[in-house]
């Protein structure tokens, strides 16, 4: 096998790994949203606020530390979390409004 063929085979292997990781991430996000949907229903049922700034602050600190330990940019982890939380709050608000 030539160097170019070996490089192409390695590229395909790495892309397969990336595809598998992406699929796992989507399934994990779906599981996370199922759990947060239950939280949203509970909050709506008991007239609790859609967001919990104290909980979110604790989660940001925890995820930043986990990211640093995993050699991932903590700023990226925080941005990801804020993106997900915005979607969760949108779901909770919709549940509270009875949508």
N, C-alpha and C. Protein backbone atom coordinates (compact mmCIF):
# COMPACT_ATOMS: atom_id res chain seq x y z
N UNK A 1 0.85 -1.17 0.00
CA UNK A 1 0.00 0.00 0.00
C UNK A 1 0.91 1.24 0.00
N UNK A 2 0.57 2.24 -0.81
CA UNK A 2 1.38 3.45 -0.88
C UNK A 2 1.06 4.36 0.31
N UNK A 3 1.92 5.34 0.50
CA UNK A 3 1.69 6.31 1.58
C UNK A 3 0.35 7.01 1.40
N UNK A 4 0.01 7.37 0.17
CA UNK A 4 -1.26 8.05 -0.11
C UNK A 4 -2.44 7.14 0.21
N UNK A 5 -2.32 5.87 -0.12
CA UNK A 5 -3.40 4.91 0.17
C UNK A 5 -3.54 4.70 1.67
N UNK A 6 -2.43 4.62 2.36
CA UNK A 6 -2.46 4.47 3.82
C UNK A 6 -3.08 5.71 4.47
N UNK A 7 -2.71 6.89 3.97
CA UNK A 7 -3.27 8.12 4.51
C UNK A 7 -4.78 8.17 4.27
N UNK A 8 -5.20 7.76 3.09
CA UNK A 8 -6.64 7.75 2.76
C UNK A 8 -7.39 6.77 3.67
N UNK A 9 -6.81 5.59 3.89
CA UNK A 9 -7.43 4.60 4.77
C UNK A 9 -7.53 5.13 6.20
N UNK A 10 -6.49 5.80 6.67
CA UNK A 10 -6.50 6.37 8.02
C UNK A 10 -7.54 7.49 8.11
N UNK A 11 -7.63 8.30 7.06
CA UNK A 11 -8.64 9.36 7.03
C UNK A 11 -10.04 8.78 7.14
N UNK A 12 -10.31 7.74 6.38
CA UNK A 12 -11.62 7.09 6.43
C UNK A 12 -11.90 6.50 7.82
N UNK A 13 -10.88 5.89 8.43
CA UNK A 13 -11.05 5.33 9.77
C UNK A 13 -11.38 6.43 10.77
N UNK A 14 -10.63 7.54 10.70
CA UNK A 14 -10.87 8.65 11.62
C UNK A 14 -12.24 9.28 11.40
N UNK A 15 -12.64 9.41 10.16
CA UNK A 15 -13.98 9.95 9.87
C UNK A 15 -15.07 9.03 10.40
N UNK A 16 -14.85 7.72 10.31
CA UNK A 16 -15.81 6.78 10.88
C UNK A 16 -15.93 6.95 12.39
N UNK A 17 -14.79 7.16 13.05
CA UNK A 17 -14.80 7.42 14.49
C UNK A 17 -15.57 8.69 14.80
N UNK A 18 -15.32 9.73 14.04
CA UNK A 18 -16.04 11.01 14.23
C UNK A 18 -17.53 10.81 14.04
N UNK A 19 -17.92 10.09 12.99
CA UNK A 19 -19.35 9.84 12.74
C UNK A 19 -20.00 9.11 13.91
N UNK A 20 -19.29 8.13 14.47
CA UNK A 20 -19.82 7.38 15.62
C UNK A 20 -19.96 8.28 16.84
N UNK A 21 -18.99 9.13 17.07
CA UNK A 21 -19.05 10.06 18.20
C UNK A 21 -20.21 11.04 18.01
N UNK A 22 -20.37 11.56 16.79
CA UNK A 22 -21.48 12.49 16.52
C UNK A 22 -22.82 11.82 16.79
N UNK A 23 -22.97 10.57 16.37
CA UNK A 23 -24.21 9.85 16.62
C UNK A 23 -24.45 9.68 18.12
N UNK A 24 -23.41 9.34 18.85
CA UNK A 24 -23.54 9.19 20.31
C UNK A 24 -23.93 10.52 20.96
N UNK A 25 -23.34 11.62 20.50
CA UNK A 25 -23.68 12.93 21.05
C UNK A 25 -25.14 13.27 20.81
N UNK A 26 -25.64 12.99 19.62
CA UNK A 26 -27.05 13.26 19.33
C UNK A 26 -27.96 12.45 20.24
N UNK A 27 -27.63 11.18 20.43
CA UNK A 27 -28.45 10.33 21.30
C UNK A 27 -28.37 10.80 22.76
N UNK A 28 -27.20 11.24 23.20
CA UNK A 28 -27.06 11.76 24.56
C UNK A 28 -27.85 13.06 24.73
N UNK A 29 -27.81 13.93 23.72
CA UNK A 29 -28.59 15.17 23.79
C UNK A 29 -30.08 14.87 23.84
N UNK A 30 -30.52 13.90 23.06
CA UNK A 30 -31.93 13.52 23.09
C UNK A 30 -32.32 13.03 24.48
N UNK A 31 -31.46 12.23 25.09
CA UNK A 31 -31.72 11.73 26.45
C UNK A 31 -31.77 12.89 27.44
N UNK A 32 -30.84 13.83 27.28
CA UNK A 32 -30.80 15.01 28.16
C UNK A 32 -32.10 15.81 28.03
N UNK A 33 -32.57 16.01 26.79
CA UNK A 33 -33.78 16.77 26.59
C UNK A 33 -35.02 16.04 27.11
N UNK A 34 -35.01 14.70 27.06
CA UNK A 34 -36.13 13.97 27.68
C UNK A 34 -36.16 14.23 29.18
N UNK A 35 -35.00 14.26 29.82
CA UNK A 35 -34.95 14.53 31.26
C UNK A 35 -35.36 15.96 31.56
N UNK A 36 -34.87 16.91 30.77
CA UNK A 36 -35.23 18.30 31.04
C UNK A 36 -36.70 18.57 30.72
N UNK A 37 -37.27 17.79 29.79
CA UNK A 37 -38.70 17.93 29.52
C UNK A 37 -39.50 17.56 30.76
N UNK A 38 -39.07 16.51 31.44
CA UNK A 38 -39.75 16.11 32.68
C UNK A 38 -39.61 17.21 33.74
N UNK A 39 -38.42 17.83 33.80
CA UNK A 39 -38.22 18.95 34.73
C UNK A 39 -39.18 20.08 34.36
N UNK A 40 -39.29 20.38 33.06
CA UNK A 40 -40.18 21.45 32.62
C UNK A 40 -41.63 21.20 32.99
N UNK A 41 -42.07 19.96 32.84
CA UNK A 41 -43.45 19.61 33.21
C UNK A 41 -43.64 19.79 34.71
N UNK A 42 -42.68 19.33 35.49
CA UNK A 42 -42.75 19.48 36.94
C UNK A 42 -42.81 20.96 37.33
N UNK A 43 -41.94 21.76 36.72
CA UNK A 43 -41.92 23.19 37.02
C UNK A 43 -43.23 23.86 36.62
N UNK A 44 -43.75 23.51 35.45
CA UNK A 44 -45.01 24.11 34.98
C UNK A 44 -46.17 23.71 35.88
N UNK A 45 -46.19 22.46 36.30
CA UNK A 45 -47.26 21.95 37.16
C UNK A 45 -47.28 22.66 38.51
N UNK A 46 -46.11 23.03 39.00
CA UNK A 46 -46.01 23.64 40.33
C UNK A 46 -45.67 25.13 40.27
N UNK A 47 -45.91 25.74 39.11
CA UNK A 47 -45.69 27.18 38.92
C UNK A 47 -44.30 27.63 39.35
N UNK A 48 -43.31 26.83 39.01
CA UNK A 48 -41.92 27.17 39.32
C UNK A 48 -41.34 27.92 38.12
N UNK A 49 -40.36 28.79 38.34
CA UNK A 49 -39.78 29.53 37.22
C UNK A 49 -39.08 28.60 36.22
N UNK A 50 -39.10 29.00 34.95
CA UNK A 50 -38.49 28.18 33.89
C UNK A 50 -36.98 28.09 34.04
N UNK A 51 -36.37 29.16 34.53
CA UNK A 51 -34.91 29.12 34.68
C UNK A 51 -34.53 29.14 36.16
N UNK A 52 -33.33 28.65 36.44
CA UNK A 52 -32.80 28.61 37.80
C UNK A 52 -31.35 29.11 37.73
N UNK A 53 -31.16 30.44 37.85
CA UNK A 53 -29.82 31.01 37.68
C UNK A 53 -28.77 30.40 38.62
N UNK A 54 -29.13 30.07 39.84
CA UNK A 54 -28.16 29.46 40.76
C UNK A 54 -27.71 28.10 40.26
N UNK A 55 -28.64 27.28 39.82
CA UNK A 55 -28.32 25.95 39.28
C UNK A 55 -27.45 26.10 38.04
N UNK A 56 -27.81 27.04 37.18
CA UNK A 56 -27.04 27.25 35.94
C UNK A 56 -25.61 27.69 36.25
N UNK A 57 -25.46 28.55 37.24
CA UNK A 57 -24.12 29.01 37.64
C UNK A 57 -23.27 27.84 38.16
N UNK A 58 -23.89 26.99 38.97
CA UNK A 58 -23.19 25.81 39.49
C UNK A 58 -22.79 24.87 38.35
N UNK A 59 -23.69 24.69 37.40
CA UNK A 59 -23.41 23.81 36.27
C UNK A 59 -22.28 24.36 35.40
N UNK A 60 -22.27 25.67 35.18
CA UNK A 60 -21.20 26.27 34.38
C UNK A 60 -19.86 26.01 35.06
N UNK A 61 -19.78 26.24 36.34
CA UNK A 61 -18.52 26.01 37.06
C UNK A 61 -18.11 24.55 36.98
N UNK A 62 -19.06 23.64 37.16
CA UNK A 62 -18.77 22.21 37.11
C UNK A 62 -18.30 21.80 35.72
N UNK A 63 -18.99 22.27 34.69
CA UNK A 63 -18.63 21.89 33.33
C UNK A 63 -17.31 22.51 32.88
N UNK A 64 -17.03 23.72 33.34
CA UNK A 64 -15.74 24.33 33.02
C UNK A 64 -14.60 23.51 33.63
N UNK A 65 -14.80 23.05 34.85
CA UNK A 65 -13.78 22.22 35.50
C UNK A 65 -13.62 20.88 34.78
N UNK A 66 -14.73 20.26 34.42
CA UNK A 66 -14.67 19.00 33.67
C UNK A 66 -13.96 19.20 32.34
N UNK A 67 -14.26 20.29 31.67
CA UNK A 67 -13.62 20.58 30.39
C UNK A 67 -12.11 20.74 30.57
N UNK A 68 -11.72 21.50 31.56
CA UNK A 68 -10.29 21.70 31.81
C UNK A 68 -9.60 20.38 32.08
N UNK A 69 -10.23 19.52 32.88
CA UNK A 69 -9.66 18.21 33.17
C UNK A 69 -9.54 17.34 31.93
N UNK A 70 -10.43 17.56 30.95
CA UNK A 70 -10.44 16.77 29.73
C UNK A 70 -9.64 17.43 28.60
N UNK A 71 -8.91 18.49 28.95
CA UNK A 71 -8.15 19.24 27.95
C UNK A 71 -9.03 19.82 26.85
N UNK A 72 -10.21 20.27 27.24
CA UNK A 72 -11.14 20.95 26.35
C UNK A 72 -11.26 22.39 26.83
N UNK A 73 -11.38 23.31 25.93
CA UNK A 73 -11.47 24.71 26.29
C UNK A 73 -12.69 24.95 27.18
N UNK A 74 -12.51 25.40 28.43
CA UNK A 74 -13.64 25.66 29.32
C UNK A 74 -14.61 26.69 28.75
N UNK A 75 -14.10 27.64 27.99
CA UNK A 75 -14.97 28.65 27.36
C UNK A 75 -15.92 27.99 26.37
N UNK A 76 -15.41 27.03 25.61
CA UNK A 76 -16.26 26.29 24.69
C UNK A 76 -17.33 25.52 25.45
N UNK A 77 -16.95 24.86 26.53
CA UNK A 77 -17.92 24.10 27.33
C UNK A 77 -19.02 25.01 27.86
N UNK A 78 -18.64 26.20 28.29
CA UNK A 78 -19.65 27.15 28.79
C UNK A 78 -20.57 27.61 27.67
N UNK A 79 -20.01 27.89 26.51
CA UNK A 79 -20.85 28.30 25.36
C UNK A 79 -21.82 27.19 24.99
N UNK A 80 -21.33 25.95 24.97
CA UNK A 80 -22.20 24.81 24.66
C UNK A 80 -23.33 24.72 25.68
N UNK A 81 -22.98 24.83 26.95
CA UNK A 81 -23.99 24.74 28.01
C UNK A 81 -25.03 25.84 27.86
N UNK A 82 -24.59 27.06 27.62
CA UNK A 82 -25.53 28.18 27.47
C UNK A 82 -26.46 27.97 26.29
N UNK A 83 -25.93 27.40 25.21
CA UNK A 83 -26.75 27.10 24.04
C UNK A 83 -27.83 26.07 24.40
N UNK A 84 -27.44 25.02 25.09
CA UNK A 84 -28.39 23.97 25.47
C UNK A 84 -29.41 24.51 26.47
N UNK A 85 -28.97 25.29 27.44
CA UNK A 85 -29.89 25.83 28.44
C UNK A 85 -30.92 26.76 27.80
N UNK A 86 -30.51 27.54 26.82
CA UNK A 86 -31.46 28.42 26.13
C UNK A 86 -32.58 27.60 25.50
N UNK A 87 -32.23 26.46 24.92
CA UNK A 87 -33.24 25.59 24.31
C UNK A 87 -34.12 24.95 25.39
N UNK A 88 -33.53 24.54 26.49
CA UNK A 88 -34.29 23.96 27.59
C UNK A 88 -35.28 24.98 28.15
N UNK A 89 -34.84 26.20 28.35
CA UNK A 89 -35.73 27.25 28.88
C UNK A 89 -36.87 27.51 27.90
N UNK A 90 -36.56 27.48 26.62
CA UNK A 90 -37.62 27.66 25.61
C UNK A 90 -38.66 26.55 25.76
N UNK A 91 -38.20 25.32 25.97
CA UNK A 91 -39.13 24.21 26.17
C UNK A 91 -39.94 24.39 27.45
N UNK A 92 -39.29 24.81 28.53
CA UNK A 92 -39.98 25.00 29.80
C UNK A 92 -41.01 26.11 29.70
N UNK A 93 -40.67 27.18 29.03
CA UNK A 93 -41.59 28.30 28.87
C UNK A 93 -42.81 27.87 28.06
N UNK A 94 -42.57 27.11 27.00
CA UNK A 94 -43.67 26.61 26.18
C UNK A 94 -44.57 25.69 27.01
N UNK A 95 -43.97 24.85 27.85
CA UNK A 95 -44.77 23.95 28.70
C UNK A 95 -45.61 24.74 29.69
N UNK A 96 -45.03 25.80 30.23
CA UNK A 96 -45.76 26.64 31.20
C UNK A 96 -46.92 27.36 30.54
N UNK A 97 -46.74 27.67 29.26
CA UNK A 97 -47.82 28.35 28.51
C UNK A 97 -48.82 27.38 27.94
N UNK A 98 -48.58 26.08 28.15
CA UNK A 98 -49.51 25.05 27.71
C UNK A 98 -49.42 24.72 26.24
N UNK A 99 -48.27 24.99 25.63
CA UNK A 99 -48.13 24.68 24.19
C UNK A 99 -47.84 23.24 23.96
